[in-house]
Amino acid sequence: QVQLVESGGGWVQAGGSLRLSCAASGRTFTGTFSSYTMGWFRQALGKEREFVAAIGRSGGRAYNADSVKGRFTVSRDNAKSTVYLQMNSLKPEDTAVYYCGAAREGTGIARDRYDYWGQGTQVTVSS
């Protein structure tokens, strides 16, 4: 059984902050979480799922979409099998369901390289 469970979503006013967490569990991730590149994607209503941020296995390399650079920070704690997304200076256009994913290979930017996905958490930013 494989589980990625996101939490931390909610409603916030523009300019505010939220911190998303994604905890991995199950036999697939036990003792092997650090072998996965972890990423965050988001999907707004009526739009395709888009890349937000990704972080390498050891946490030493991270990638961010241009739309979130300077505002969002991805991090991970391999001892806790958890990846985080700190979101600051939120804008209404950040409103979406946010998904975390795990990829055995790749930088984490390409959606089709992901092997596992969480169920998503809603983030709503009001103006």
N, C-alpha and C. Protein backbone atom coordinates (compact mmCIF):
# COMPACT_ATOMS: atom_id res chain seq x y z
N GLN A 1 0.85 -1.19 0.00
CA GLN A 1 0.00 0.00 0.00
C GLN A 1 0.88 1.24 0.00
N VAL A 2 0.53 2.17 -0.84
CA VAL A 2 1.30 3.41 -0.98
C VAL A 2 0.37 4.57 -0.69
N GLN A 3 0.84 5.46 0.14
CA GLN A 3 0.05 6.64 0.44
C GLN A 3 0.89 7.90 0.46
N LEU A 4 0.39 8.92 -0.20
CA LEU A 4 0.91 10.27 -0.07
C LEU A 4 -0.28 11.11 0.40
N VAL A 5 -0.13 11.72 1.55
CA VAL A 5 -1.25 12.45 2.14
C VAL A 5 -0.85 13.90 2.34
N GLU A 6 -1.53 14.78 1.61
CA GLU A 6 -1.28 16.22 1.73
C GLU A 6 -2.12 16.81 2.85
N SER A 7 -1.60 17.86 3.45
CA SER A 7 -2.34 18.60 4.46
C SER A 7 -1.85 20.04 4.47
N GLY A 8 -2.60 20.91 5.14
CA GLY A 8 -2.18 22.29 5.28
C GLY A 8 -2.88 23.27 4.38
N GLY A 9 -3.72 22.77 3.49
CA GLY A 9 -4.45 23.67 2.62
C GLY A 9 -5.52 24.43 3.39
N GLY A 10 -6.13 25.41 2.72
CA GLY A 10 -7.19 26.18 3.35
C GLY A 10 -7.43 27.47 2.63
N TRP A 11 -8.07 28.38 3.34
CA TRP A 11 -8.41 29.68 2.79
C TRP A 11 -7.50 30.73 3.39
N VAL A 12 -7.02 31.65 2.54
CA VAL A 12 -6.16 32.73 3.03
C VAL A 12 -6.37 33.96 2.17
N GLN A 13 -6.16 35.11 2.74
CA GLN A 13 -6.26 36.34 1.97
C GLN A 13 -4.98 36.56 1.17
N ALA A 14 -5.10 37.30 0.10
CA ALA A 14 -3.94 37.63 -0.73
C ALA A 14 -2.85 38.26 0.13
N GLY A 15 -1.62 37.83 -0.13
CA GLY A 15 -0.50 38.30 0.66
C GLY A 15 -0.16 37.41 1.85
N GLY A 16 -1.04 36.48 2.14
CA GLY A 16 -0.84 35.59 3.28
C GLY A 16 0.04 34.40 2.93
N SER A 17 0.18 33.51 3.91
CA SER A 17 1.07 32.34 3.76
C SER A 17 0.35 31.07 4.19
N LEU A 18 0.78 29.98 3.59
CA LEU A 18 0.35 28.64 3.99
C LEU A 18 1.54 27.71 3.85
N ARG A 19 1.54 26.65 4.65
CA ARG A 19 2.57 25.62 4.52
C ARG A 19 1.89 24.28 4.29
N LEU A 20 2.16 23.71 3.15
CA LEU A 20 1.61 22.40 2.83
C LEU A 20 2.61 21.31 3.24
N SER A 21 2.06 20.19 3.67
CA SER A 21 2.88 19.02 4.00
C SER A 21 2.37 17.83 3.20
N CYS A 22 3.26 16.92 2.92
CA CYS A 22 2.90 15.68 2.23
C CYS A 22 3.68 14.55 2.89
N ALA A 23 2.95 13.69 3.56
CA ALA A 23 3.57 12.58 4.28
C ALA A 23 3.44 11.29 3.47
N ALA A 24 4.54 10.58 3.34
CA ALA A 24 4.55 9.32 2.59
C ALA A 24 4.53 8.14 3.54
N SER A 25 3.76 7.14 3.21
CA SER A 25 3.71 5.94 4.03
C SER A 25 3.44 4.73 3.15
N GLY A 26 3.58 3.56 3.74
CA GLY A 26 3.35 2.34 3.00
C GLY A 26 4.65 1.62 2.70
N ARG A 27 4.54 0.39 2.30
CA ARG A 27 5.70 -0.45 2.10
C ARG A 27 6.65 0.14 1.06
N THR A 28 6.10 0.73 0.02
CA THR A 28 6.94 1.27 -1.05
C THR A 28 7.90 2.33 -0.54
N PHE A 29 7.44 3.14 0.43
CA PHE A 29 8.26 4.25 0.89
C PHE A 29 9.06 3.93 2.14
N THR A 30 8.76 2.83 2.78
CA THR A 30 9.46 2.50 4.02
C THR A 30 10.95 2.29 3.75
N GLY A 31 11.76 3.17 4.32
CA GLY A 31 13.20 3.07 4.15
C GLY A 31 13.70 3.53 2.80
N THR A 32 12.79 3.93 1.90
CA THR A 32 13.21 4.31 0.55
C THR A 32 12.75 5.69 0.13
N PHE A 33 12.14 6.44 1.04
CA PHE A 33 11.62 7.76 0.70
C PHE A 33 12.70 8.61 0.05
N SER A 34 13.92 8.51 0.56
CA SER A 34 15.01 9.35 0.06
C SER A 34 15.45 8.97 -1.35
N SER A 35 14.93 7.90 -1.89
CA SER A 35 15.27 7.53 -3.26
C SER A 35 14.30 8.12 -4.28
N TYR A 36 13.32 8.88 -3.82
CA TYR A 36 12.34 9.50 -4.69
C TYR A 36 12.54 11.01 -4.78
N THR A 37 12.48 11.52 -5.99
CA THR A 37 12.30 12.95 -6.18
C THR A 37 10.86 13.27 -5.84
N MET A 38 10.65 14.34 -5.10
CA MET A 38 9.31 14.73 -4.68
C MET A 38 8.93 16.06 -5.31
N GLY A 39 7.67 16.18 -5.66
CA GLY A 39 7.25 17.40 -6.32
C GLY A 39 5.85 17.83 -5.92
N TRP A 40 5.56 19.08 -6.23
CA TRP A 40 4.23 19.67 -6.02
C TRP A 40 3.70 20.16 -7.37
N PHE A 41 2.47 19.83 -7.64
CA PHE A 41 1.75 20.31 -8.80
C PHE A 41 0.44 20.94 -8.31
N ARG A 42 -0.20 21.70 -9.17
CA ARG A 42 -1.50 22.25 -8.81
C ARG A 42 -2.42 22.24 -10.02
N GLN A 43 -3.69 22.20 -9.72
CA GLN A 43 -4.70 22.18 -10.78
C GLN A 43 -5.84 23.11 -10.41
N ALA A 44 -5.94 24.18 -11.17
CA ALA A 44 -7.04 25.12 -10.98
C ALA A 44 -8.27 24.61 -11.74
N LEU A 45 -9.42 25.09 -11.36
CA LEU A 45 -10.67 24.66 -11.98
C LEU A 45 -10.64 24.90 -13.48
N GLY A 46 -10.86 23.84 -14.25
CA GLY A 46 -10.91 23.97 -15.69
C GLY A 46 -9.56 24.01 -16.38
N LYS A 47 -8.50 23.82 -15.62
CA LYS A 47 -7.15 23.86 -16.20
C LYS A 47 -6.42 22.55 -15.98
N GLU A 48 -5.32 22.39 -16.71
CA GLU A 48 -4.52 21.19 -16.54
C GLU A 48 -3.65 21.29 -15.29
N ARG A 49 -3.23 20.13 -14.80
CA ARG A 49 -2.32 20.10 -13.66
C ARG A 49 -0.96 20.65 -14.10
N GLU A 50 -0.42 21.59 -13.32
CA GLU A 50 0.82 22.23 -13.71
C GLU A 50 1.88 22.09 -12.62
N PHE A 51 3.12 22.10 -13.05
CA PHE A 51 4.26 21.99 -12.15
C PHE A 51 4.37 23.24 -11.27
N VAL A 52 4.69 23.01 -9.99
CA VAL A 52 4.92 24.10 -9.05
C VAL A 52 6.36 24.07 -8.56
N ALA A 53 6.78 22.94 -7.97
CA ALA A 53 8.12 22.84 -7.41
C ALA A 53 8.49 21.38 -7.24
N ALA A 54 9.80 21.12 -7.25
CA ALA A 54 10.29 19.76 -7.04
C ALA A 54 11.60 19.82 -6.29
N ILE A 55 11.91 18.74 -5.60
CA ILE A 55 13.14 18.69 -4.81
C ILE A 55 13.79 17.32 -4.99
N GLY A 56 15.10 17.32 -5.12
CA GLY A 56 15.83 16.09 -5.35
C GLY A 56 15.88 15.21 -4.12
N ARG A 57 16.44 14.03 -4.31
CA ARG A 57 16.41 13.00 -3.28
C ARG A 57 17.02 13.43 -1.96
N SER A 58 18.15 14.11 -2.01
CA SER A 58 18.81 14.53 -0.79
C SER A 58 18.38 15.91 -0.32
N GLY A 59 17.59 16.58 -1.14
CA GLY A 59 17.16 17.92 -0.81
C GLY A 59 18.12 19.00 -1.26
N GLY A 60 19.18 18.60 -1.94
CA GLY A 60 20.19 19.56 -2.34
C GLY A 60 19.87 20.32 -3.61
N ARG A 61 18.88 19.84 -4.37
CA ARG A 61 18.53 20.51 -5.62
C ARG A 61 17.03 20.71 -5.67
N ALA A 62 16.62 21.92 -6.00
CA ALA A 62 15.20 22.22 -6.08
C ALA A 62 14.89 23.01 -7.34
N TYR A 63 13.69 22.83 -7.84
CA TYR A 63 13.23 23.54 -9.03
C TYR A 63 11.88 24.19 -8.70
N ASN A 64 11.69 25.37 -9.25
CA ASN A 64 10.43 26.09 -9.05
C ASN A 64 9.90 26.61 -10.37
N ALA A 65 8.60 26.59 -10.52
CA ALA A 65 7.99 27.22 -11.69
C ALA A 65 8.21 28.73 -11.62
N ASP A 66 8.30 29.36 -12.78
CA ASP A 66 8.54 30.81 -12.82
C ASP A 66 7.47 31.57 -12.05
N SER A 67 6.27 31.07 -12.07
CA SER A 67 5.14 31.78 -11.44
C SER A 67 5.24 31.82 -9.93
N VAL A 68 6.08 30.97 -9.33
CA VAL A 68 6.16 30.93 -7.87
C VAL A 68 7.55 31.26 -7.34
N LYS A 69 8.50 31.51 -8.22
CA LYS A 69 9.87 31.81 -7.79
C LYS A 69 9.89 33.04 -6.88
N GLY A 70 10.63 32.90 -5.80
CA GLY A 70 10.73 33.99 -4.83
C GLY A 70 9.60 34.01 -3.83
N ARG A 71 8.57 33.18 -4.04
CA ARG A 71 7.43 33.15 -3.11
C ARG A 71 7.26 31.78 -2.46
N PHE A 72 7.49 30.72 -3.19
CA PHE A 72 7.31 29.35 -2.69
C PHE A 72 8.66 28.69 -2.47
N THR A 73 8.74 27.86 -1.43
CA THR A 73 9.96 27.11 -1.14
C THR A 73 9.60 25.66 -0.84
N VAL A 74 10.23 24.74 -1.57
CA VAL A 74 10.02 23.32 -1.33
C VAL A 74 11.16 22.79 -0.48
N SER A 75 10.84 21.89 0.45
CA SER A 75 11.85 21.28 1.31
C SER A 75 11.39 19.87 1.66
N ARG A 76 12.28 19.11 2.24
CA ARG A 76 11.92 17.75 2.62
C ARG A 76 12.66 17.34 3.87
N ASP A 77 12.06 16.40 4.59
CA ASP A 77 12.68 15.80 5.76
C ASP A 77 12.62 14.29 5.54
N ASN A 78 13.73 13.72 5.11
CA ASN A 78 13.73 12.30 4.78
C ASN A 78 13.52 11.42 6.00
N ALA A 79 13.93 11.89 7.16
CA ALA A 79 13.72 11.10 8.39
C ALA A 79 12.24 10.98 8.71
N LYS A 80 11.45 11.95 8.27
CA LYS A 80 10.01 11.94 8.53
C LYS A 80 9.22 11.53 7.28
N SER A 81 9.91 11.24 6.19
CA SER A 81 9.25 10.88 4.93
C SER A 81 8.21 11.93 4.54
N THR A 82 8.61 13.17 4.64
CA THR A 82 7.66 14.27 4.41
C THR A 82 8.30 15.35 3.54
N VAL A 83 7.50 15.90 2.65
CA VAL A 83 7.92 17.03 1.83
C VAL A 83 6.99 18.20 2.13
N TYR A 84 7.55 19.40 2.06
CA TYR A 84 6.80 20.61 2.42
C TYR A 84 6.80 21.60 1.26
N LEU A 85 5.80 22.46 1.29
CA LEU A 85 5.77 23.59 0.36
C LEU A 85 5.35 24.81 1.16
N GLN A 86 6.32 25.68 1.40
CA GLN A 86 6.03 26.95 2.08
C GLN A 86 5.62 27.96 1.02
N MET A 87 4.42 28.51 1.19
CA MET A 87 3.88 29.44 0.20
C MET A 87 3.67 30.80 0.86
N ASN A 88 4.40 31.79 0.39
CA ASN A 88 4.30 33.15 0.90
C ASN A 88 3.78 34.08 -0.19
N SER A 89 3.34 35.25 0.21
CA SER A 89 2.86 36.27 -0.73
C SER A 89 1.85 35.66 -1.71
N LEU A 90 0.90 34.95 -1.17
CA LEU A 90 -0.06 34.25 -2.02
C LEU A 90 -0.92 35.22 -2.80
N LYS A 91 -1.27 34.79 -4.01
CA LYS A 91 -2.09 35.59 -4.92
C LYS A 91 -3.36 34.81 -5.26
N PRO A 92 -4.41 35.50 -5.67
CA PRO A 92 -5.63 34.78 -6.06
C PRO A 92 -5.37 33.74 -7.16
N GLU A 93 -4.44 33.99 -8.04
CA GLU A 93 -4.15 33.04 -9.12
C GLU A 93 -3.44 31.77 -8.62
N ASP A 94 -3.07 31.74 -7.34
CA ASP A 94 -2.51 30.52 -6.76
C ASP A 94 -3.61 29.56 -6.31
N THR A 95 -4.85 29.98 -6.38
CA THR A 95 -5.97 29.13 -5.98
C THR A 95 -6.02 27.89 -6.85
N ALA A 96 -6.01 26.72 -6.20
CA ALA A 96 -5.98 25.45 -6.93
C ALA A 96 -6.00 24.31 -5.92
N VAL A 97 -6.16 23.11 -6.45
CA VAL A 97 -5.90 21.91 -5.65
C VAL A 97 -4.42 21.58 -5.84
N TYR A 98 -3.72 21.42 -4.73
CA TYR A 98 -2.29 21.13 -4.76
C TYR A 98 -2.05 19.66 -4.50
N TYR A 99 -1.25 19.04 -5.36
CA TYR A 99 -0.94 17.62 -5.27
C TYR A 99 0.56 17.42 -5.07
N CYS A 100 0.90 16.46 -4.25
CA CYS A 100 2.30 16.06 -4.19
C CYS A 100 2.45 14.74 -4.92
N GLY A 101 3.65 14.52 -5.42
CA GLY A 101 3.93 13.30 -6.15
C GLY A 101 5.32 12.81 -5.87
N ALA A 102 5.55 11.54 -6.18
CA ALA A 102 6.85 10.90 -5.99
C ALA A 102 7.30 10.29 -7.30
N ALA A 103 8.55 10.56 -7.66
CA ALA A 103 9.10 10.06 -8.93
C ALA A 103 10.40 9.33 -8.67
N ARG A 104 10.53 8.13 -9.25
CA ARG A 104 11.78 7.37 -9.09
C ARG A 104 12.91 7.99 -9.90
N GLU A 105 12.56 8.62 -11.01
CA GLU A 105 13.59 9.17 -11.89
C GLU A 105 13.19 10.56 -12.35
N GLY A 106 14.20 11.30 -12.82
CA GLY A 106 13.96 12.61 -13.38
C GLY A 106 14.11 13.74 -12.37
N THR A 107 13.99 14.96 -12.87
CA THR A 107 14.15 16.14 -12.02
C THR A 107 12.89 16.48 -11.24
N GLY A 108 11.78 15.91 -11.66
CA GLY A 108 10.52 16.20 -10.98
C GLY A 108 9.69 17.25 -11.68
N ILE A 109 10.18 17.78 -12.79
CA ILE A 109 9.45 18.84 -13.49
C ILE A 109 8.36 18.26 -14.39
N ALA A 110 8.62 17.09 -14.98
CA ALA A 110 7.67 16.50 -15.92
C ALA A 110 6.62 15.67 -15.19
N ARG A 111 5.36 16.02 -15.45
CA ARG A 111 4.27 15.34 -14.77
C ARG A 111 4.23 13.84 -15.07
N ASP A 112 4.56 13.46 -16.30
CA ASP A 112 4.44 12.06 -16.68
C ASP A 112 5.54 11.17 -16.12
N ARG A 113 6.49 11.74 -15.39
CA ARG A 113 7.55 10.95 -14.77
C ARG A 113 7.18 10.51 -13.35
N TYR A 114 6.03 10.93 -12.86
CA TYR A 114 5.65 10.62 -11.49
C TYR A 114 5.00 9.24 -11.39
N ASP A 115 5.36 8.53 -10.33
CA ASP A 115 4.85 7.19 -10.09
C ASP A 115 3.69 7.17 -9.11
N TYR A 116 3.66 8.10 -8.21
CA TYR A 116 2.61 8.13 -7.18
C TYR A 116 2.14 9.56 -6.96
N TRP A 117 0.85 9.69 -6.63
CA TRP A 117 0.24 10.99 -6.35
C TRP A 117 -0.59 10.93 -5.08
N GLY A 118 -0.66 12.07 -4.40
CA GLY A 118 -1.58 12.19 -3.28
C GLY A 118 -2.97 12.57 -3.78
N GLN A 119 -3.89 12.74 -2.86
CA GLN A 119 -5.28 13.03 -3.22
C GLN A 119 -5.53 14.52 -3.40
N GLY A 120 -4.59 15.36 -2.97
CA GLY A 120 -4.71 16.79 -3.17
C GLY A 120 -5.28 17.52 -1.97
N THR A 121 -4.92 18.79 -1.87
CA THR A 121 -5.46 19.67 -0.83
C THR A 121 -5.79 21.01 -1.45
N GLN A 122 -6.95 21.55 -1.10
CA GLN A 122 -7.43 22.78 -1.71
C GLN A 122 -6.77 24.01 -1.06
N VAL A 123 -6.30 24.90 -1.90
CA VAL A 123 -5.80 26.20 -1.46
C VAL A 123 -6.64 27.27 -2.14
N THR A 124 -7.23 28.15 -1.35
CA THR A 124 -8.06 29.23 -1.89
C THR A 124 -7.52 30.56 -1.39
N VAL A 125 -7.20 31.45 -2.32
CA VAL A 125 -6.66 32.76 -1.98
C VAL A 125 -7.65 33.81 -2.44
N SER A 126 -8.14 34.59 -1.50
CA SER A 126 -9.12 35.62 -1.82
C SER A 126 -8.44 36.97 -1.98
N SER A 127 -9.01 37.78 -2.84
CA SER A 127 -8.42 39.11 -3.09
C SER A 127 -8.95 40.14 -2.12
